[in-house]
Amino acid sequence: MVGVAICGRPVSRNLDNGTTLEINRICTVGIKNAVSKLCSYVIKYAKLKGYKKVITYTFMSENGSSLKASNFILEKENAGGLSWNTKLDKKRKHTSKELKKRWSYNIKK
């Protein structure tokens, strides 16, 4: 195994419309182009399952070169909140205070 991609419904309830798939995590053993290849497989899977869009996030400090190579476009900078903490859920803690960039890939039929 060279890597793994974990996907699911968008974490943001505003983006969870039933036609968007979010890549939550990607992990590889460091082989060249493995992240781009995994992104391509996720896009193929999403298309097969009827999704219209795939999104993912990077930290502001990351350049997103693997996403650019997979034809993702930068949709929004400074995306997401600085904390997961809400009045209803004090147990979850976000691990980083760095803002993010949201990338998207629109699936063509």
C-alpha atoms as a PDB file:
ATOM      1  CA  MET A   1       0.000   0.000   0.000  1.00  0.00           C
ATOM      2  CA  VAL A   2       1.295   3.428  -0.971  1.00  0.00           C
ATOM      3  CA  GLY A   3      -1.337   5.622   0.672  1.00  0.00           C
ATOM      4  CA  VAL A   4      -4.876   6.105   1.817  1.00  0.00           C
ATOM      5  CA  ALA A   5      -7.574   8.761   1.353  1.00  0.00           C
ATOM      6  CA  ILE A   6     -10.387   9.150   3.856  1.00  0.00           C
ATOM      7  CA  CYS A   7     -13.522  10.808   2.491  1.00  0.00           C
ATOM      8  CA  GLY A   8     -17.005  11.570   3.709  1.00  0.00           C
ATOM      9  CA  ARG A   9     -19.741  14.121   3.930  1.00  0.00           C
ATOM     10  CA  PRO A  10     -18.497  17.694   4.304  1.00  0.00           C
ATOM     11  CA  VAL A  11     -17.752  18.659   7.889  1.00  0.00           C
ATOM     12  CA  SER A  12     -19.335  22.086   7.345  1.00  0.00           C
ATOM     13  CA  ARG A  13     -23.090  21.725   7.486  1.00  0.00           C
ATOM     14  CA  ASN A  14     -23.361  24.608   5.009  1.00  0.00           C
ATOM     15  CA  LEU A  15     -21.567  22.511   2.374  1.00  0.00           C
ATOM     16  CA  ASP A  16     -23.289  19.206   3.197  1.00  0.00           C
ATOM     17  CA  ASN A  17     -25.786  19.256   0.324  1.00  0.00           C
ATOM     18  CA  GLY A  18     -25.782  15.557  -0.614  1.00  0.00           C
ATOM     19  CA  THR A  19     -23.802  16.118  -3.818  1.00  0.00           C
ATOM     20  CA  THR A  20     -20.440  17.104  -2.328  1.00  0.00           C
ATOM     21  CA  LEU A  21     -17.755  14.695  -1.110  1.00  0.00           C
ATOM     22  CA  GLU A  22     -14.963  15.921   1.181  1.00  0.00           C
ATOM     23  CA  ILE A  23     -11.467  14.474   1.325  1.00  0.00           C
ATOM     24  CA  ASN A  24     -10.809  14.579   5.065  1.00  0.00           C
ATOM     25  CA  ARG A  25      -7.340  13.020   5.179  1.00  0.00           C
ATOM     26  CA  ILE A  26      -4.675  11.791   2.789  1.00  0.00           C
ATOM     27  CA  CYS A  27      -1.633   9.891   3.977  1.00  0.00           C
ATOM     28  CA  THR A  28       1.130   8.388   1.846  1.00  0.00           C
ATOM     29  CA  VAL A  29       4.512   6.750   2.387  1.00  0.00           C
ATOM     30  CA  GLY A  30       6.180   9.557   0.453  1.00  0.00           C
ATOM     31  CA  ILE A  31       6.232   8.115  -3.059  1.00  0.00           C
ATOM     32  CA  LYS A  32       6.294  10.797  -5.754  1.00  0.00           C
ATOM     33  CA  ASN A  33       2.851  11.766  -7.134  1.00  0.00           C
ATOM     34  CA  ALA A  34       1.012   9.465  -4.697  1.00  0.00           C
ATOM     35  CA  VAL A  35      -1.219  12.271  -3.373  1.00  0.00           C
ATOM     36  CA  SER A  36      -2.205  13.356  -6.883  1.00  0.00           C
ATOM     37  CA  LYS A  37      -2.975   9.756  -7.800  1.00  0.00           C
ATOM     38  CA  LEU A  38      -5.146   9.311  -4.711  1.00  0.00           C
ATOM     39  CA  CYS A  39      -7.020  12.528  -5.543  1.00  0.00           C
ATOM     40  CA  SER A  40      -7.675  11.156  -9.032  1.00  0.00           C
ATOM     41  CA  TYR A  41      -9.069   7.936  -7.564  1.00  0.00           C
ATOM     42  CA  VAL A  42     -11.337   9.913  -5.215  1.00  0.00           C
ATOM     43  CA  ILE A  43     -12.660  11.945  -8.164  1.00  0.00           C
ATOM     44  CA  LYS A  44     -13.387   8.743 -10.131  1.00  0.00           C
ATOM     45  CA  TYR A  45     -15.171   7.258  -7.121  1.00  0.00           C
ATOM     46  CA  ALA A  46     -17.189  10.443  -6.563  1.00  0.00           C
ATOM     47  CA  LYS A  47     -18.275  10.506 -10.205  1.00  0.00           C
ATOM     48  CA  LEU A  48     -19.266   6.837 -10.036  1.00  0.00           C
ATOM     49  CA  LYS A  49     -21.395   7.494  -6.945  1.00  0.00           C
ATOM     50  CA  GLY A  50     -23.122  10.549  -8.434  1.00  0.00           C
ATOM     51  CA  TYR A  51     -21.379  13.364  -6.586  1.00  0.00           C
ATOM     52  CA  LYS A  52     -21.056  16.699  -8.370  1.00  0.00           C
ATOM     53  CA  LYS A  53     -18.159  18.147  -6.402  1.00  0.00           C
ATOM     54  CA  VAL A  54     -15.132  17.089  -4.336  1.00  0.00           C
ATOM     55  CA  ILE A  55     -13.643  19.457  -1.759  1.00  0.00           C
ATOM     56  CA  THR A  56     -10.652  19.385   0.548  1.00  0.00           C
ATOM     57  CA  TYR A  57      -8.633  21.779   2.654  1.00  0.00           C
ATOM     58  CA  THR A  58      -4.977  22.704   3.110  1.00  0.00           C
ATOM     59  CA  PHE A  59      -3.352  24.980   5.637  1.00  0.00           C
ATOM     60  CA  MET A  60      -2.519  28.491   4.423  1.00  0.00           C
ATOM     61  CA  SER A  61       1.180  27.588   4.675  1.00  0.00           C
ATOM     62  CA  GLU A  62       0.808  24.695   2.180  1.00  0.00           C
ATOM     63  CA  ASN A  63       0.992  25.358  -1.558  1.00  0.00           C
ATOM     64  CA  GLY A  64      -1.471  22.674  -2.708  1.00  0.00           C
ATOM     65  CA  SER A  65       0.722  21.477  -5.587  1.00  0.00           C
ATOM     66  CA  SER A  66      -0.761  17.965  -5.545  1.00  0.00           C
ATOM     67  CA  LEU A  67      -4.257  19.414  -5.712  1.00  0.00           C
ATOM     68  CA  LYS A  68      -3.293  21.723  -8.568  1.00  0.00           C
ATOM     69  CA  ALA A  69      -1.855  18.709 -10.399  1.00  0.00           C
ATOM     70  CA  SER A  70      -5.229  16.974  -9.936  1.00  0.00           C
ATOM     71  CA  ASN A  71      -7.069  19.997 -11.412  1.00  0.00           C
ATOM     72  CA  PHE A  72      -8.538  21.216  -8.133  1.00  0.00           C
ATOM     73  CA  ILE A  73      -9.127  24.949  -8.023  1.00  0.00           C
ATOM     74  CA  LEU A  74      -8.654  27.242  -5.055  1.00  0.00           C
ATOM     75  CA  GLU A  75     -12.207  28.092  -4.045  1.00  0.00           C
ATOM     76  CA  LYS A  76     -11.699  30.094  -0.871  1.00  0.00           C
ATOM     77  CA  GLU A  77      -8.895  31.299   1.373  1.00  0.00           C
ATOM     78  CA  ASN A  78      -9.280  31.684   5.124  1.00  0.00           C
ATOM     79  CA  ALA A  79     -11.896  28.928   5.058  1.00  0.00           C
ATOM     80  CA  GLY A  80     -13.172  27.312   8.192  1.00  0.00           C
ATOM     81  CA  GLY A  81     -13.160  28.526  11.749  1.00  0.00           C
ATOM     82  CA  LEU A  82     -10.261  28.723  14.127  1.00  0.00           C
ATOM     83  CA  SER A  83     -11.904  26.375  16.577  1.00  0.00           C
ATOM     84  CA  TRP A  84     -14.317  23.459  16.688  1.00  0.00           C
ATOM     85  CA  ASN A  85     -15.549  24.546  20.082  1.00  0.00           C
ATOM     86  CA  THR A  86     -19.231  25.398  20.252  1.00  0.00           C
ATOM     87  CA  LYS A  87     -21.682  25.928  23.064  1.00  0.00           C
ATOM     88  CA  LEU A  88     -23.087  22.457  22.372  1.00  0.00           C
ATOM     89  CA  ASP A  89     -19.793  20.573  22.112  1.00  0.00           C
ATOM     90  CA  LYS A  90     -16.986  21.492  24.490  1.00  0.00           C
ATOM     91  CA  LYS A  91     -15.195  18.105  24.156  1.00  0.00           C
ATOM     92  CA  ARG A  92     -13.816  18.497  20.629  1.00  0.00           C
ATOM     93  CA  LYS A  93     -10.588  20.428  20.254  1.00  0.00           C
ATOM     94  CA  HIS A  94      -9.182  21.577  16.928  1.00  0.00           C
ATOM     95  CA  THR A  95      -5.490  20.724  16.681  1.00  0.00           C
ATOM     96  CA  SER A  96      -4.352  23.817  14.783  1.00  0.00           C
ATOM     97  CA  LYS A  97      -5.213  27.491  14.873  1.00  0.00           C
ATOM     98  CA  GLU A  98      -3.952  28.055  11.308  1.00  0.00           C
ATOM     99  CA  LEU A  99      -6.524  29.139   8.741  1.00  0.00           C
ATOM    100  CA  LYS A 100      -7.149  27.021   5.666  1.00  0.00           C
ATOM    101  CA  LYS A 101      -7.674  27.131   1.924  1.00  0.00           C
ATOM    102  CA  ARG A 102     -10.648  25.262   0.450  1.00  0.00           C
ATOM    103  CA  TRP A 103     -10.009  23.494  -2.858  1.00  0.00           C
ATOM    104  CA  SER A 104     -12.709  22.076  -5.111  1.00  0.00           C
ATOM    105  CA  TYR A 105     -13.096  19.890  -8.144  1.00  0.00           C
ATOM    106  CA  ASN A 106     -16.355  20.155 -10.077  1.00  0.00           C
ATOM    107  CA  ILE A 107     -17.274  16.845 -11.676  1.00  0.00           C
ATOM    108  CA  LYS A 108     -18.396  17.034 -15.273  1.00  0.00           C
ATOM    109  CA  LYS A 109     -20.982  14.560 -16.507  1.00  0.00           C
END
